[in-house]
């Protein structure tokens, strides 16, 4: 969206600014440190790091809620999208700002700018996008810090009068369906591009990978420190001759691992009856060889031009393959591979605690009572690739509740709906 271009700060190298500060601190530590504290680059670095709180590193300017807000204000109302109010602003101005936000929510739900129904939970999430974006980018509290009581009541009234669409469950990709789709539409070894997709989809399914772990999150540029490269794959042979691949990933949805680089191993075992992720990876390496000195800078899953696959591309590929099998593409996405892998493991009799730990779902309870062994990790990958399943009404492991962390839920607290015995909203669009 071109009207968002002005939101982005001119980029500066965090590494350069950090090295600058450390360099000045070397001789005469205290004096140099005091001088570094006065350097104008310090504020620029602080600002850039603040904007990097979200994956797009723009303070949330690319969030869907902010995009709709800019469209609503600039093109609909003809007013600036930023509210410059503080705690000392007149109350009538704060109430007017809240009224504007309420009109925005009504517009989202009733006018359906996306062409699809947006329920109240999604509208509330979009409001949090706008509030957090203003706070990060402009250091401004929406409506001067007003408690937004009327907005909470508006959302409650919407639920009563308009109802909420039921959550549209995503289906997991069935192991046998992925095999059929890849063999029909991405024949093994037919081209380097087709093989890259086979390897990516197979690894996502058998490794229980999130879309943003197997591919680039939206808005991010490839960075070898964070994203999968050829050097992150190690092939091994077990004593019985079974081939194993170990992927070192930077785990998503985890504050602990997000700052420690690629510290989480994902074990993949070859020989799956339907899906063999190790064989697909080895075939990719053979068809698209990379010099040893470039392994650490080459994306693991990329197109012919060397551009890393994005999460949206993975989603589109999954939808396309399932549609070509005659299935409803709207029920599938990038996360369907993770859902399908977990469902296959459950169908094969793998204990839910092992699935949780192998799939890196947040659960302190499981971590207290169980520890993942290498043998258990090998078994999960092997049974996923070898197990076909028919999920009961296609709802197994479709819930996203396991993916929500306290940090992700915190921004919604300021506009939490009153608890009055009604069920929670479904997050659908």
Foldseek 3Di string as FASTA:
>chain_A
DVVLPVLADDDDDLVVLVVVLVVQCPPPNPVSNVVNVPDPVVVVNVLQVLCPPDVLSRQLCPPPLNVLLCCCVCVNVVHDSADAAAQPDDLVQLVVQLVSLLVSLCCCQPVVPVVDHFALVQSLVSVLSSQRSCCSRVVAGGSNPDLSPVSLVSNVVCCVPVNADAFQFAFAQWLQLLLVLLCVPLNQPPALQSLLLLLLLLCCQLQLDFLCFSFPEPNDADDLQAHAFLVQWDWDADPVGKIKIKGQHQDPLDPVSVPVTRDDIGIATADAPRRGNVVSLVSSCVRDPDDPVCRSVQHSRDHPVRGTDYQQNLFVVVLVSCVVVVDHSVSTGRSSSSQNLLVQLVVVPQDPLLNCVSSVQDDVVSVVVDDDDPVSSHVSSRSSSHGGDDDDVSRGSRDCPSSDDPVNCVSSVSSDHDDDPDDDHHRDD
